[in-house]
Amino acid sequence: MTRAQIVNTCESMTASTLIIDDDDAVRGLLRSVLEAEGYEVTEAANGRQGLNQYRLKPTGLVITDIHMPEMNGLVMLLELTR
């Protein structure tokens, strides 16, 4: 991989964000604020969905709730590091 390809990959990752929260209103608020600042935003309603979405398309930033159904935020973050 060339230096330019690495830089392009890093730049595209830092401009994207994954929001994981089981509260629709919180996800909507965060999405509107981040999109207004130019971020590409992806959403997930629980940790399991968020983990699957991240594995399909990694992002530069993950914002997660802790207490969620199916998989909580702490378990999801541990899985991201494996």
Protein backbone atom coordinates (compact mmCIF):
# COMPACT_ATOMS: atom_id res chain seq x y z
CA MET A 1 0.00 0.00 0.00
CA THR A 2 1.37 3.39 -0.95
CA ARG A 3 1.60 6.33 1.43
CA ALA A 4 -1.17 8.11 -0.50
CA GLN A 5 -3.48 5.09 -0.14
CA ILE A 6 -2.81 4.96 3.59
CA VAL A 7 -3.52 8.69 3.97
CA ASN A 8 -6.76 8.38 1.93
CA THR A 9 -7.89 5.43 4.05
CA CYS A 10 -7.15 7.28 7.31
CA GLU A 11 -8.90 10.44 6.11
CA SER A 12 -12.04 8.54 5.12
CA MET A 13 -12.10 6.70 8.45
CA THR A 14 -11.78 9.84 10.55
CA ALA A 15 -14.69 11.46 8.72
CA SER A 16 -17.04 8.59 9.60
CA THR A 17 -18.80 7.84 12.86
CA LEU A 18 -20.81 4.91 14.18
CA ILE A 19 -23.45 5.77 16.79
CA ILE A 20 -24.68 2.84 18.88
CA ASP A 21 -27.61 3.55 21.19
CA ASP A 22 -30.97 1.92 21.84
CA ASP A 23 -32.66 5.33 22.19
CA ASP A 24 -33.84 6.62 18.79
CA ALA A 25 -33.92 10.22 20.02
CA VAL A 26 -30.30 10.14 21.19
CA ARG A 27 -29.14 8.61 17.91
CA GLY A 28 -31.11 11.22 15.95
CA LEU A 29 -29.67 14.13 17.94
CA LEU A 30 -26.10 12.89 17.62
CA ARG A 31 -26.60 12.23 13.91
CA SER A 32 -27.89 15.74 13.23
CA VAL A 33 -25.01 17.39 15.13
CA LEU A 34 -22.31 15.24 13.52
CA GLU A 35 -23.70 15.49 10.00
CA ALA A 36 -23.85 19.29 10.37
CA GLU A 37 -20.09 19.12 11.06
CA GLY A 38 -19.49 17.04 7.93
CA TYR A 39 -19.27 13.54 9.38
CA GLU A 40 -20.67 10.48 7.63
CA VAL A 41 -22.85 8.78 10.26
CA THR A 42 -23.97 5.17 10.61
CA GLU A 43 -26.37 4.06 13.35
CA ALA A 44 -27.05 0.86 15.27
CA ALA A 45 -29.74 0.18 17.89
CA ASN A 46 -27.68 -2.22 20.03
CA GLY A 47 -24.16 -3.49 20.56
CA ARG A 48 -24.53 -6.57 18.38
CA GLN A 49 -25.76 -4.54 15.41
CA GLY A 50 -23.02 -1.99 15.99
CA LEU A 51 -20.31 -4.64 16.10
CA ASN A 52 -21.58 -6.19 12.86
CA GLN A 53 -21.74 -2.79 11.14
CA TYR A 54 -18.23 -1.87 12.32
CA ARG A 55 -16.82 -5.15 11.05
CA LEU A 56 -18.41 -4.55 7.64
CA LYS A 57 -17.30 -0.93 7.45
CA PRO A 58 -14.87 0.34 10.13
CA THR A 59 -15.25 3.97 11.19
CA GLY A 60 -12.86 6.51 12.67
CA LEU A 61 -15.07 7.09 15.71
CA VAL A 62 -17.54 4.94 17.67
CA ILE A 63 -19.97 6.57 20.10
CA THR A 64 -21.81 4.01 22.21
CA ASP A 65 -24.28 3.76 25.03
CA ILE A 66 -23.35 1.35 27.81
CA HIS A 67 -26.72 -0.13 28.82
CA MET A 68 -28.40 -1.70 25.77
CA PRO A 69 -30.27 -4.90 24.93
CA GLU A 70 -28.59 -7.93 23.29
CA MET A 71 -25.01 -6.70 23.83
CA ASN A 72 -24.05 -3.80 26.08
CA GLY A 73 -21.54 -1.16 25.06
CA LEU A 74 -18.66 -2.45 27.19
CA VAL A 75 -18.87 -5.98 25.78
CA MET A 76 -19.15 -4.54 22.27
CA LEU A 77 -16.02 -2.40 22.77
CA LEU A 78 -14.09 -5.41 24.06
CA GLU A 79 -15.14 -7.34 20.96
CA LEU A 80 -13.96 -4.50 18.72
CA THR A 81 -10.45 -4.86 20.12
CA ARG A 82 -10.23 -8.60 19.38
